[in-house]
Amino acid sequence: MFPKKLISFISHEFVFIFGLILILFIKIIELNPIFIDNSYHKLYFIPANIFSEFLFGRFEFSFGDILYLVLPFILFTQIKKNHTRRKNIFIIIKFSLLIYIIFQIQWGLNYHRTDLHKKLSLNNNYSFELLLKETKKIINKTNQIHKNLSNNDTLALNLNFDRKLIINESIKSLEQVEFINNHKIPKNIKISTFSTINSYMGFSGYINPITLEAQINNNTPDLYLPTTITHEISHQLGYAAEDEANFIGILSCMKSENDFISYCGHVQAVRYLLNEIFNANNEEYKEMVMELNLGVKKNIAAASAEIDEYKNPLEPLFKKFYDKFLKINNQPKGIKSYNSVVNLIVNYGINP
């Protein structure tokens, strides 16, 4: 009996120590963005992504969502089998170490890649005048596309499009982004099993860091659906930072040959730009809003009303938790990282 207990103790200790060594190794790798870009991303992440699409892409449902349901059940079952606190603590520690290590290897190291603005040799700041200039350009193009689609600048655009078509055209638009055209773009995106839950939490999409599947919230308004799709696929391509995924998502839609997808991309860009102007100068913000077609403003208002249906007292708590998660994962601005997309839009100088 004694040797059996000793072997069990040594086994637990070995797993714990080995897990800590792996975490230390991961932390060292995080300090070297060039190694992550040239070795981890190219030699591991891209092949893993291709394999993931081959393995899970054939299924309509999200295998990753099933994992979210199964893993807690497995942990609970293992704990229930034991009757000692010590064993249960070891089980929880081993389970947590395993999930953390898999998360970092499969996905988390992408948070430590070289910043996109450095790769594209962009400035990391901009003047208010440049912000106004780029906003006016994009508003003019947004108005033009809207009028082409609606034939009347005061009417909201009819957004009753086939969702499968929207998904296919949104994915196709990523081919228009020059600096990611050396990637194999995933062709599959899943509808989240937890769409209603995500709506109440305030999330329109997510990537599963274990299976690398991209999921979208099926309740996302059609106006924001294309940029949500391209945002999540940008994550699949290894752009973990939210501002970078936002930028690629918006840029690809703006460049789409499909006018509806392009319209959605331009509207999303305008929303972020106007929000930045509002924070800096309320009078300039009012003037810019006046330049938007009334029909565009109606589309934005209708989409916002759809989202507001799910507003609830718990949403800020979920956002606060996600804010902490992002800060832990090398995004010091937390949830405000989404708004940093303005820096990339303005300095990239998107040519409408």
Protein backbone atom coordinates (compact mmCIF):
# COMPACT_ATOMS: atom_id res chain seq x y z
CA MET A 1 0.00 0.00 0.00
CA PHE A 2 2.81 2.41 0.93
CA PRO A 3 4.73 2.09 -2.41
CA LYS A 4 1.48 2.67 -4.31
CA LYS A 5 0.85 5.90 -2.39
CA LEU A 6 4.47 6.97 -2.90
CA ILE A 7 4.26 6.37 -6.66
CA SER A 8 0.99 8.33 -6.78
CA PHE A 9 2.60 11.22 -4.85
CA ILE A 10 5.68 11.26 -7.11
CA SER A 11 3.44 11.14 -10.17
CA HIS A 12 1.46 14.17 -8.99
CA GLU A 13 4.63 16.05 -8.10
CA PHE A 14 6.24 15.26 -11.47
CA VAL A 15 3.20 16.49 -13.41
CA PHE A 16 3.10 19.68 -11.35
CA ILE A 17 6.83 20.41 -11.75
CA PHE A 18 6.81 19.55 -15.47
CA GLY A 19 3.83 21.87 -15.95
CA LEU A 20 5.64 24.72 -14.21
CA ILE A 21 8.75 24.15 -16.38
CA LEU A 22 6.60 24.33 -19.52
CA ILE A 23 4.98 27.57 -18.31
CA LEU A 24 8.44 29.05 -17.61
CA PHE A 25 9.50 28.06 -21.14
CA ILE A 26 6.38 29.72 -22.58
CA LYS A 27 7.06 32.90 -20.60
CA ILE A 28 10.60 33.04 -22.02
CA ILE A 29 9.26 32.63 -25.58
CA GLU A 30 6.77 35.48 -24.98
CA LEU A 31 9.73 37.86 -24.61
CA ASN A 32 10.86 37.20 -28.20
CA PRO A 33 8.30 38.46 -30.77
CA ILE A 34 10.67 37.74 -33.67
CA PHE A 35 10.94 34.08 -32.65
CA ILE A 36 7.14 33.90 -32.37
CA ASP A 37 6.75 35.49 -35.85
CA ASN A 38 9.35 33.38 -37.63
CA SER A 39 9.26 30.08 -35.78
CA TYR A 40 6.11 29.57 -33.71
CA HIS A 41 3.69 31.23 -36.13
CA LYS A 42 5.09 29.85 -39.38
CA LEU A 43 6.23 26.42 -38.23
CA TYR A 44 3.49 25.56 -35.74
CA PHE A 45 0.47 27.85 -35.74
CA ILE A 46 -0.22 27.99 -39.49
CA PRO A 47 0.04 24.17 -39.93
CA ALA A 48 -2.09 23.70 -36.79
CA ASN A 49 -4.69 26.06 -38.22
CA ILE A 50 -4.79 24.20 -41.55
CA PHE A 51 -5.11 20.88 -39.72
CA SER A 52 -7.86 22.30 -37.52
CA GLU A 53 -9.88 23.41 -40.54
CA PHE A 54 -9.39 20.00 -42.15
CA LEU A 55 -10.49 18.25 -38.97
CA PHE A 56 -13.38 20.44 -37.82
CA GLY A 57 -14.31 22.40 -40.95
CA ARG A 58 -16.43 19.55 -42.28
CA PHE A 59 -18.87 19.88 -39.38
CA GLU A 60 -21.67 22.47 -39.40
CA PHE A 61 -21.66 22.64 -35.61
CA SER A 62 -18.88 24.03 -33.44
CA PHE A 63 -16.78 21.24 -31.94
CA GLY A 64 -15.16 23.84 -29.68
CA ASP A 65 -18.54 24.76 -28.19
CA ILE A 66 -19.06 21.11 -27.29
CA LEU A 67 -15.68 21.17 -25.53
CA TYR A 68 -16.85 24.12 -23.42
CA LEU A 69 -19.68 21.90 -22.18
CA VAL A 70 -17.72 18.65 -21.84
CA LEU A 71 -14.54 19.85 -20.08
CA PRO A 72 -16.27 21.10 -16.89
CA PHE A 73 -18.21 17.83 -16.79
CA ILE A 74 -14.97 15.81 -17.04
CA LEU A 75 -13.40 17.86 -14.24
CA PHE A 76 -16.48 17.45 -12.05
CA THR A 77 -16.51 13.67 -12.69
CA GLN A 78 -12.85 13.32 -11.72
CA ILE A 79 -13.36 15.31 -8.53
CA LYS A 80 -16.43 13.30 -7.62
CA LYS A 81 -14.44 10.04 -7.82
CA ASN A 82 -12.13 11.18 -5.03
CA HIS A 83 -12.94 11.75 -1.41
CA THR A 84 -9.86 13.62 -0.23
CA ARG A 85 -9.27 17.33 -0.50
CA ARG A 86 -5.59 16.81 -1.35
CA LYS A 87 -6.34 14.66 -4.41
CA ASN A 88 -9.00 17.06 -5.60
CA ILE A 89 -6.61 19.99 -5.31
CA PHE A 90 -4.04 18.13 -7.41
CA ILE A 91 -6.71 17.30 -10.01
CA ILE A 92 -7.79 20.95 -10.27
CA ILE A 93 -4.17 22.13 -10.49
CA LYS A 94 -3.29 19.57 -13.19
CA PHE A 95 -6.44 20.41 -15.13
CA SER A 96 -5.73 24.16 -14.92
CA LEU A 97 -2.09 23.71 -15.94
CA LEU A 98 -3.10 21.56 -18.91
CA ILE A 99 -5.72 24.05 -20.15
CA TYR A 100 -3.34 27.00 -19.71
CA ILE A 101 -0.48 25.27 -21.56
CA ILE A 102 -2.72 24.16 -24.43
CA PHE A 103 -4.19 27.67 -24.64
CA GLN A 104 -0.76 29.29 -24.87
CA ILE A 105 0.66 26.81 -27.40
CA GLN A 106 -2.43 26.71 -29.60
CA TRP A 107 -3.27 30.39 -29.53
CA GLY A 108 -2.01 32.56 -26.68
CA LEU A 109 1.52 33.14 -28.01
CA ASN A 110 -0.04 35.12 -30.88
CA TYR A 111 -0.68 37.90 -28.37
CA HIS A 112 3.09 38.46 -28.32
CA ARG A 113 3.74 38.77 -32.06
CA THR A 114 5.29 41.92 -33.52
CA ASP A 115 2.71 44.72 -33.63
CA LEU A 116 1.02 45.20 -37.00
CA HIS A 117 1.82 48.91 -37.14
CA LYS A 118 5.53 48.00 -36.93
CA LYS A 119 5.20 45.38 -39.67
CA LEU A 120 3.46 47.91 -41.92
CA SER A 121 5.85 50.73 -40.91
CA LEU A 122 2.99 52.92 -39.72
CA ASN A 123 3.13 55.79 -37.25
CA ASN A 124 1.85 55.04 -33.79
CA ASN A 125 0.00 58.35 -33.44
CA TYR A 126 -1.81 60.90 -35.59
CA SER A 127 -2.95 64.52 -35.55
CA PHE A 128 -6.56 65.56 -35.07
CA GLU A 129 -6.45 67.15 -38.53
CA LEU A 130 -5.46 63.83 -40.11
CA LEU A 131 -8.28 62.11 -38.21
CA LEU A 132 -10.79 64.61 -39.62
CA LYS A 133 -9.39 64.25 -43.13
CA GLU A 134 -9.61 60.44 -43.16
CA THR A 135 -13.06 60.51 -41.57
CA LYS A 136 -14.41 62.87 -44.26
CA LYS A 137 -13.02 60.62 -47.00
CA ILE A 138 -14.62 57.52 -45.56
CA ILE A 139 -17.94 59.28 -44.85
CA ASN A 140 -18.09 60.45 -48.48
CA LYS A 141 -17.47 56.92 -49.73
CA THR A 142 -20.02 55.49 -47.28
CA ASN A 143 -22.64 57.95 -48.54
CA GLN A 144 -21.82 57.08 -52.14
CA ILE A 145 -22.17 53.32 -51.62
CA HIS A 146 -25.37 53.82 -49.63
CA LYS A 147 -26.96 55.91 -52.37
CA ASN A 148 -25.93 53.36 -55.02
CA LEU A 149 -27.64 50.60 -53.04
CA SER A 150 -30.75 52.47 -51.90
CA ASN A 151 -31.24 55.08 -54.67
CA ASN A 152 -32.28 57.52 -51.94
CA ASP A 153 -29.95 59.03 -49.36
CA THR A 154 -32.75 59.39 -46.79
CA LEU A 155 -33.86 55.75 -46.83
CA ALA A 156 -32.34 53.03 -44.67
CA LEU A 157 -30.80 50.25 -46.73
CA ASN A 158 -32.80 47.02 -46.80
CA LEU A 159 -30.55 44.53 -45.00
CA ASN A 160 -32.54 41.36 -45.62
CA PHE A 161 -29.74 39.48 -47.35
CA ASP A 162 -29.13 35.73 -47.34
CA ARG A 163 -26.78 35.05 -44.41
CA LYS A 164 -24.91 32.29 -46.21
CA LEU A 165 -24.15 34.75 -49.02
CA ILE A 166 -22.98 37.34 -46.48
CA ILE A 167 -20.65 34.79 -44.88
CA ASN A 168 -19.16 33.68 -48.21
CA GLU A 169 -18.67 37.22 -49.52
CA SER A 170 -17.19 38.40 -46.21
CA ILE A 171 -14.65 35.58 -46.20
CA LYS A 172 -13.84 36.28 -49.85
CA SER A 173 -13.15 39.95 -49.03
CA LEU A 174 -10.10 38.95 -46.95
CA GLU A 175 -8.34 38.10 -50.22
CA GLN A 176 -8.27 41.86 -50.93
CA VAL A 177 -5.93 42.60 -48.00
CA GLU A 178 -2.43 42.60 -49.46
CA PHE A 179 -0.44 42.00 -46.27
CA ILE A 180 -2.31 38.77 -45.41
CA ASN A 181 -2.55 37.30 -48.92
CA ASN A 182 0.29 34.87 -48.17
CA HIS A 183 -1.96 33.12 -45.64
CA LYS A 184 -4.37 30.33 -46.42
CA ILE A 185 -7.65 31.97 -45.46
CA PRO A 186 -10.01 29.64 -43.56
CA LYS A 187 -13.25 29.12 -45.45
CA ASN A 188 -15.36 27.97 -42.56
CA ILE A 189 -17.01 29.92 -39.76
CA LYS A 190 -19.45 28.44 -37.25
CA ILE A 191 -22.67 29.75 -35.76
CA SER A 192 -22.23 29.83 -31.99
CA THR A 193 -24.23 27.34 -29.95
CA PHE A 194 -24.41 30.05 -27.30
CA SER A 195 -25.61 32.96 -29.47
CA THR A 196 -28.29 34.15 -27.04
CA ILE A 197 -25.93 33.91 -24.08
CA ASN A 198 -23.31 35.84 -26.04
CA SER A 199 -25.87 38.53 -26.87
CA TYR A 200 -26.55 39.08 -23.18
CA MET A 201 -22.81 39.10 -22.48
CA GLY A 202 -22.28 41.67 -25.26
CA PHE A 203 -20.10 39.53 -27.58
CA SER A 204 -20.65 39.17 -31.32
CA GLY A 205 -18.08 36.44 -31.94
CA TYR A 206 -15.11 34.53 -30.57
CA ILE A 207 -12.40 32.05 -31.49
CA ASN A 208 -11.98 28.78 -29.65
CA PRO A 209 -8.29 28.74 -28.62
CA ILE A 210 -8.13 24.93 -28.54
CA THR A 211 -9.86 23.91 -31.79
CA LEU A 212 -9.12 27.27 -33.51
CA GLU A 213 -12.70 27.43 -34.80
CA ALA A 214 -14.20 30.88 -35.34
CA GLN A 215 -17.76 31.38 -34.09
CA ILE A 216 -20.21 34.22 -34.72
CA ASN A 217 -23.21 35.23 -32.67
CA ASN A 218 -26.24 34.50 -34.85
CA ASN A 219 -28.06 37.47 -33.32
CA THR A 220 -25.51 39.95 -34.67
CA PRO A 221 -27.27 42.63 -36.76
CA ASP A 222 -26.72 42.17 -40.51
CA LEU A 223 -25.03 45.58 -40.66
CA TYR A 224 -22.24 44.37 -38.37
CA LEU A 225 -22.13 40.73 -39.48
CA PRO A 226 -19.50 41.05 -42.27
CA THR A 227 -16.95 42.80 -40.06
CA THR A 228 -17.65 40.33 -37.25
CA ILE A 229 -16.92 37.43 -39.61
CA THR A 230 -13.70 38.94 -40.94
CA HIS A 231 -12.65 39.98 -37.42
CA GLU A 232 -12.94 36.41 -36.14
CA ILE A 233 -11.18 34.94 -39.18
CA SER A 234 -8.38 37.46 -38.61
CA HIS A 235 -8.01 35.86 -35.19
CA GLN A 236 -7.83 32.48 -36.93
CA LEU A 237 -4.96 33.84 -39.01
CA GLY A 238 -3.06 34.62 -35.81
CA TYR A 239 -3.86 38.31 -35.36
CA ALA A 240 -4.71 38.08 -31.68
CA ALA A 241 -4.71 41.79 -30.77
CA GLU A 242 -8.26 43.14 -30.94
CA ASP A 243 -7.31 46.38 -32.70
CA GLU A 244 -5.45 44.43 -35.40
CA ALA A 245 -8.30 41.95 -35.93
CA ASN A 246 -10.69 44.90 -36.02
CA PHE A 247 -8.55 46.69 -38.60
CA ILE A 248 -8.19 43.68 -40.89
CA GLY A 249 -11.89 42.93 -40.51
CA ILE A 250 -12.93 46.46 -41.45
CA LEU A 251 -10.30 46.93 -44.16
CA SER A 252 -11.18 43.69 -45.94
CA CYS A 253 -14.89 44.52 -45.98
CA MET A 254 -14.21 48.04 -47.25
CA LYS A 255 -12.20 46.56 -50.11
CA SER A 256 -14.85 43.97 -50.98
CA GLU A 257 -16.14 43.86 -54.55
CA ASN A 258 -19.60 43.25 -53.08
CA ASP A 259 -21.24 46.64 -52.44
CA PHE A 260 -23.20 45.49 -49.40
CA ILE A 261 -20.10 44.04 -47.70
CA SER A 262 -18.16 47.20 -48.59
CA TYR A 263 -20.95 49.35 -47.15
CA CYS A 264 -20.85 47.43 -43.86
CA GLY A 265 -17.07 47.86 -43.65
CA HIS A 266 -17.29 51.60 -44.30
CA VAL A 267 -20.08 52.05 -41.74
CA GLN A 268 -18.05 50.25 -39.10
CA ALA A 269 -15.00 52.41 -39.85
CA VAL A 270 -17.14 55.56 -39.62
CA ARG A 271 -18.51 54.48 -36.23
CA TYR A 272 -15.04 54.08 -34.73
CA LEU A 273 -13.75 57.30 -36.29
CA LEU A 274 -16.74 59.35 -35.15
CA ASN A 275 -16.42 57.97 -31.64
CA GLU A 276 -12.80 59.12 -31.55
CA ILE A 277 -13.77 62.59 -32.80
CA PHE A 278 -16.55 62.76 -30.20
CA ASN A 279 -14.00 62.10 -27.44
CA ALA A 280 -11.78 64.90 -28.75
CA ASN A 281 -14.15 67.62 -29.98
CA ASN A 282 -17.92 67.50 -29.63
CA GLU A 283 -18.55 70.31 -32.13
CA GLU A 284 -16.50 68.64 -34.86
CA TYR A 285 -18.33 65.41 -34.09
CA LYS A 286 -21.72 67.06 -34.66
CA GLU A 287 -20.54 68.51 -37.98
CA MET A 288 -19.26 65.12 -39.15
CA VAL A 289 -22.49 63.36 -38.19
CA MET A 290 -24.43 65.94 -40.21
CA GLU A 291 -22.46 64.90 -43.31
CA LEU A 292 -23.68 61.29 -43.07
CA ASN A 293 -26.65 60.34 -45.23
CA LEU A 294 -29.83 60.12 -43.17
CA GLY A 295 -30.31 56.58 -44.47
CA VAL A 296 -26.91 55.54 -43.09
CA LYS A 297 -27.81 56.95 -39.69
CA LYS A 298 -31.09 55.04 -39.79
CA ASN A 299 -29.22 51.79 -40.50
CA ILE A 300 -26.87 52.41 -37.56
CA ALA A 301 -29.77 53.29 -35.26
CA ALA A 302 -31.67 50.13 -36.24
CA ALA A 303 -28.61 47.92 -35.62
CA SER A 304 -28.00 49.59 -32.24
CA ALA A 305 -31.64 48.98 -31.28
CA GLU A 306 -31.21 45.26 -32.03
CA ILE A 307 -28.17 45.10 -29.75
CA ASP A 308 -29.91 47.10 -27.02
CA GLU A 309 -32.61 44.43 -26.75
CA TYR A 310 -30.08 42.29 -24.89
CA LYS A 311 -28.78 44.98 -22.53
CA ASN A 312 -28.77 43.79 -18.93
CA PRO A 313 -27.12 44.62 -15.57
CA LEU A 314 -24.65 41.71 -15.86
CA GLU A 315 -23.12 42.74 -19.21
CA PRO A 316 -20.63 45.22 -17.63
CA LEU A 317 -19.38 42.41 -15.38
CA PHE A 318 -18.68 40.15 -18.37
CA LYS A 319 -16.93 43.04 -20.12
CA LYS A 320 -14.85 43.73 -17.00
CA PHE A 321 -13.78 40.08 -16.87
CA TYR A 322 -12.81 40.16 -20.55
CA ASP A 323 -10.98 43.44 -19.97
CA LYS A 324 -8.83 41.70 -17.34
CA PHE A 325 -8.27 38.74 -19.67
CA LEU A 326 -6.96 41.02 -22.43
CA LYS A 327 -4.68 42.92 -20.06
CA ILE A 328 -3.19 39.65 -18.81
CA ASN A 329 -2.56 38.67 -22.44
CA ASN A 330 -0.33 41.57 -23.46
CA GLN A 331 -3.08 44.06 -24.35
CA PRO A 332 -2.58 46.79 -21.73
CA LYS A 333 -5.57 48.82 -22.94
CA GLY A 334 -7.84 45.88 -22.26
CA ILE A 335 -11.26 46.13 -23.87
CA LYS A 336 -10.39 49.63 -25.08
CA SER A 337 -8.01 47.90 -27.51
CA TYR A 338 -10.95 47.60 -29.91
CA ASN A 339 -11.01 51.39 -30.25
CA SER A 340 -7.28 51.49 -31.05
CA VAL A 341 -8.28 50.41 -34.55
CA VAL A 342 -8.62 54.15 -35.31
CA ASN A 343 -4.84 54.49 -35.12
CA LEU A 344 -4.41 51.83 -37.81
CA ILE A 345 -7.23 53.15 -40.04
CA VAL A 346 -5.93 56.72 -39.99
CA ASN A 347 -2.25 55.92 -40.45
CA TYR A 348 -2.80 53.23 -43.07
CA GLY A 349 -4.63 55.85 -45.12
CA ILE A 350 -7.36 53.64 -46.58
CA ASN A 351 -8.04 54.94 -50.06
CA PRO A 352 -11.78 54.90 -50.69
